[in-house]
């Protein structure tokens, strides 16, 4: 939940809560790579996400549409 709360705070602080929503979900069958984050509508899965990665994912992917390659899970 710490990761979810960090994403929610960034969304609120940047006043984009009408466009972006952060929420807790099940493991999406990637529990072995957890903690995991998925960004829709692209469906990009990130694995082994740490608190130190939240700001980067938010700035790069959510704000600038540039997925963070080093964290992407390739199935």
N, C-alpha and C. Protein backbone atom coordinates (compact mmCIF):
# COMPACT_ATOMS: atom_id res chain seq x y z
N UNK A 1 0.81 -1.20 0.00
CA UNK A 1 0.00 0.00 0.00
C UNK A 1 0.86 1.27 0.00
N UNK A 2 2.10 1.14 0.45
CA UNK A 2 2.98 2.30 0.47
C UNK A 2 3.21 2.84 -0.95
N UNK A 3 3.39 1.93 -1.91
CA UNK A 3 3.56 2.35 -3.30
C UNK A 3 2.30 3.03 -3.82
N UNK A 4 1.15 2.46 -3.54
CA UNK A 4 -0.12 3.02 -3.99
C UNK A 4 -0.29 4.43 -3.43
N UNK A 5 -0.02 4.59 -2.15
CA UNK A 5 -0.17 5.90 -1.53
C UNK A 5 0.79 6.92 -2.14
N UNK A 6 1.99 6.49 -2.48
CA UNK A 6 2.96 7.41 -3.10
C UNK A 6 2.47 7.85 -4.48
N UNK A 7 1.94 6.92 -5.27
CA UNK A 7 1.38 7.29 -6.58
C UNK A 7 0.17 8.21 -6.41
N UNK A 8 -0.71 7.90 -5.45
CA UNK A 8 -1.89 8.73 -5.22
C UNK A 8 -1.50 10.16 -4.85
N UNK A 9 -0.47 10.30 -4.04
CA UNK A 9 -0.01 11.63 -3.64
C UNK A 9 0.50 12.41 -4.85
N UNK A 10 1.27 11.76 -5.71
CA UNK A 10 1.77 12.44 -6.91
C UNK A 10 0.63 12.87 -7.82
N UNK A 11 -0.34 11.99 -7.99
CA UNK A 11 -1.51 12.30 -8.83
C UNK A 11 -2.25 13.52 -8.25
N UNK A 12 -2.47 13.50 -6.96
CA UNK A 12 -3.17 14.61 -6.31
C UNK A 12 -2.35 15.90 -6.37
N UNK A 13 -1.06 15.81 -6.06
CA UNK A 13 -0.20 17.00 -6.06
C UNK A 13 -0.11 17.66 -7.43
N UNK A 14 -0.21 16.83 -8.48
CA UNK A 14 -0.12 17.36 -9.85
C UNK A 14 -1.50 17.65 -10.45
N UNK A 15 -2.54 17.45 -9.62
CA UNK A 15 -3.92 17.77 -10.01
C UNK A 15 -4.35 17.09 -11.33
N UNK A 16 -3.99 15.82 -11.45
CA UNK A 16 -4.39 15.07 -12.64
C UNK A 16 -5.31 13.91 -12.26
N UNK A 17 -6.00 14.03 -11.13
CA UNK A 17 -6.84 12.93 -10.66
C UNK A 17 -8.07 12.69 -11.52
N UNK A 18 -8.36 13.55 -12.49
CA UNK A 18 -9.45 13.26 -13.42
C UNK A 18 -8.96 12.42 -14.59
N UNK A 19 -7.66 12.38 -14.80
CA UNK A 19 -7.07 11.63 -15.91
C UNK A 19 -6.38 10.35 -15.47
N UNK A 20 -5.88 10.33 -14.24
CA UNK A 20 -5.06 9.23 -13.74
C UNK A 20 -5.61 8.77 -12.40
N UNK A 21 -5.61 7.44 -12.22
CA UNK A 21 -6.05 6.89 -10.94
C UNK A 21 -5.06 5.84 -10.49
N UNK A 22 -4.70 5.88 -9.22
CA UNK A 22 -3.82 4.87 -8.63
C UNK A 22 -4.66 4.04 -7.67
N UNK A 23 -4.52 2.72 -7.78
CA UNK A 23 -5.29 1.86 -6.89
C UNK A 23 -4.59 0.53 -6.70
N UNK A 24 -4.92 -0.11 -5.60
CA UNK A 24 -4.40 -1.43 -5.28
C UNK A 24 -5.13 -2.45 -6.14
N UNK A 25 -4.42 -3.49 -6.55
CA UNK A 25 -5.03 -4.57 -7.33
C UNK A 25 -4.39 -5.89 -6.94
N UNK A 26 -4.91 -6.96 -7.50
CA UNK A 26 -4.32 -8.28 -7.28
C UNK A 26 -2.96 -8.36 -7.95
N UNK A 27 -2.42 -9.53 -8.01
CA UNK A 27 -1.05 -9.67 -8.49
C UNK A 27 -0.93 -9.77 -10.01
N UNK A 28 -2.04 -9.79 -10.75
CA UNK A 28 -2.01 -9.87 -12.21
C UNK A 28 -1.17 -11.04 -12.72
N UNK A 29 -1.06 -12.09 -11.93
CA UNK A 29 -0.25 -13.26 -12.26
C UNK A 29 1.24 -12.94 -12.42
N UNK A 30 1.70 -11.87 -11.79
CA UNK A 30 3.12 -11.53 -11.82
C UNK A 30 3.66 -11.37 -10.39
N UNK A 31 3.06 -12.07 -9.45
CA UNK A 31 3.45 -11.95 -8.04
C UNK A 31 4.94 -12.25 -7.82
N UNK A 32 5.48 -13.14 -8.62
CA UNK A 32 6.90 -13.49 -8.48
C UNK A 32 7.83 -12.33 -8.81
N UNK A 33 7.30 -11.31 -9.46
CA UNK A 33 8.10 -10.15 -9.86
C UNK A 33 7.77 -8.92 -9.01
N UNK A 34 7.04 -9.13 -7.94
CA UNK A 34 6.51 -8.03 -7.15
C UNK A 34 7.54 -7.29 -6.34
N UNK A 35 7.15 -6.17 -5.83
CA UNK A 35 5.90 -5.49 -6.11
C UNK A 35 5.82 -5.06 -7.58
N UNK A 36 4.63 -5.17 -8.12
CA UNK A 36 4.43 -4.87 -9.53
C UNK A 36 3.49 -3.68 -9.69
N UNK A 37 3.69 -2.96 -10.78
CA UNK A 37 2.85 -1.82 -11.13
C UNK A 37 2.50 -1.98 -12.60
N UNK A 38 1.26 -1.69 -12.96
CA UNK A 38 0.87 -1.71 -14.36
C UNK A 38 0.28 -0.36 -14.72
N UNK A 39 0.64 0.14 -15.89
CA UNK A 39 0.14 1.42 -16.37
C UNK A 39 -0.74 1.13 -17.59
N UNK A 40 -2.00 1.53 -17.47
CA UNK A 40 -2.95 1.40 -18.57
C UNK A 40 -3.21 2.77 -19.16
N UNK A 41 -3.58 2.91 -20.41
CA UNK A 41 -4.08 1.86 -21.28
C UNK A 41 -2.99 1.08 -22.00
N UNK A 42 -1.73 1.48 -21.85
CA UNK A 42 -0.66 0.78 -22.57
C UNK A 42 -0.47 -0.65 -22.12
N UNK A 43 -0.79 -0.94 -20.85
CA UNK A 43 -0.59 -2.29 -20.32
C UNK A 43 0.86 -2.59 -20.06
N UNK A 44 1.63 -1.60 -19.69
CA UNK A 44 3.05 -1.79 -19.38
C UNK A 44 3.17 -2.25 -17.93
N UNK A 45 3.82 -3.40 -17.74
CA UNK A 45 4.03 -3.95 -16.41
C UNK A 45 5.44 -3.65 -15.95
N UNK A 46 5.54 -3.18 -14.71
CA UNK A 46 6.83 -2.94 -14.07
C UNK A 46 6.98 -3.92 -12.92
N UNK A 47 8.17 -4.47 -12.75
CA UNK A 47 8.41 -5.42 -11.67
C UNK A 47 9.49 -4.95 -10.72
N UNK A 48 9.45 -5.53 -9.52
CA UNK A 48 10.39 -5.20 -8.44
C UNK A 48 10.43 -3.70 -8.17
N UNK A 49 9.28 -3.08 -8.21
CA UNK A 49 9.18 -1.63 -8.01
C UNK A 49 9.41 -1.30 -6.54
N UNK A 50 10.27 -0.33 -6.32
CA UNK A 50 10.58 0.15 -4.98
C UNK A 50 10.10 1.59 -4.84
N UNK A 51 10.03 2.08 -3.62
CA UNK A 51 9.61 3.46 -3.39
C UNK A 51 10.49 4.43 -4.18
N UNK A 52 11.74 4.10 -4.33
CA UNK A 52 12.66 4.99 -5.06
C UNK A 52 12.35 5.05 -6.55
N UNK A 53 11.51 4.14 -7.06
CA UNK A 53 11.14 4.11 -8.48
C UNK A 53 9.85 4.88 -8.78
N UNK A 54 9.07 5.18 -7.77
CA UNK A 54 7.74 5.78 -7.98
C UNK A 54 7.84 7.12 -8.71
N UNK A 55 8.69 8.00 -8.26
CA UNK A 55 8.82 9.32 -8.88
C UNK A 55 9.23 9.18 -10.35
N UNK A 56 10.17 8.28 -10.63
CA UNK A 56 10.63 8.09 -12.01
C UNK A 56 9.51 7.56 -12.90
N UNK A 57 8.77 6.57 -12.45
CA UNK A 57 7.65 6.03 -13.23
C UNK A 57 6.62 7.13 -13.47
N UNK A 58 6.32 7.89 -12.43
CA UNK A 58 5.33 8.95 -12.57
C UNK A 58 5.79 10.00 -13.59
N UNK A 59 7.00 10.51 -13.41
CA UNK A 59 7.49 11.58 -14.29
C UNK A 59 7.71 11.09 -15.72
N UNK A 60 8.37 9.96 -15.85
CA UNK A 60 8.72 9.49 -17.19
C UNK A 60 7.52 8.91 -17.94
N UNK A 61 6.83 7.96 -17.31
CA UNK A 61 5.77 7.26 -18.03
C UNK A 61 4.44 8.01 -18.00
N UNK A 62 3.99 8.33 -16.81
CA UNK A 62 2.65 8.92 -16.70
C UNK A 62 2.61 10.35 -17.25
N UNK A 63 3.61 11.15 -16.93
CA UNK A 63 3.59 12.53 -17.40
C UNK A 63 4.15 12.69 -18.81
N UNK A 64 5.16 11.90 -19.17
CA UNK A 64 5.85 12.13 -20.45
C UNK A 64 5.76 10.98 -21.44
N UNK A 65 4.95 9.95 -21.12
CA UNK A 65 4.71 8.84 -22.03
C UNK A 65 6.00 8.14 -22.48
N UNK A 66 6.96 8.03 -21.55
CA UNK A 66 8.21 7.32 -21.82
C UNK A 66 8.37 6.21 -20.79
N UNK A 67 8.01 4.99 -21.14
CA UNK A 67 8.14 3.89 -20.18
C UNK A 67 9.58 3.77 -19.65
N UNK A 68 9.68 3.36 -18.41
CA UNK A 68 10.97 3.18 -17.74
C UNK A 68 11.49 1.79 -18.09
N UNK A 69 12.34 1.72 -19.08
CA UNK A 69 12.79 0.45 -19.66
C UNK A 69 13.40 -0.50 -18.65
N UNK A 70 14.18 0.00 -17.71
CA UNK A 70 14.89 -0.88 -16.78
C UNK A 70 13.96 -1.65 -15.83
N UNK A 71 12.71 -1.21 -15.71
CA UNK A 71 11.76 -1.86 -14.81
C UNK A 71 10.70 -2.69 -15.52
N UNK A 72 10.64 -2.61 -16.84
CA UNK A 72 9.59 -3.30 -17.58
C UNK A 72 9.74 -4.81 -17.49
N UNK A 73 8.61 -5.47 -17.24
CA UNK A 73 8.55 -6.94 -17.26
C UNK A 73 8.24 -7.37 -18.67
N UNK A 74 9.08 -8.20 -19.22
CA UNK A 74 8.85 -8.75 -20.57
C UNK A 74 8.40 -10.20 -20.43
N UNK A 75 7.21 -10.48 -20.90
CA UNK A 75 6.67 -11.85 -20.79
C UNK A 75 6.95 -12.62 -22.05
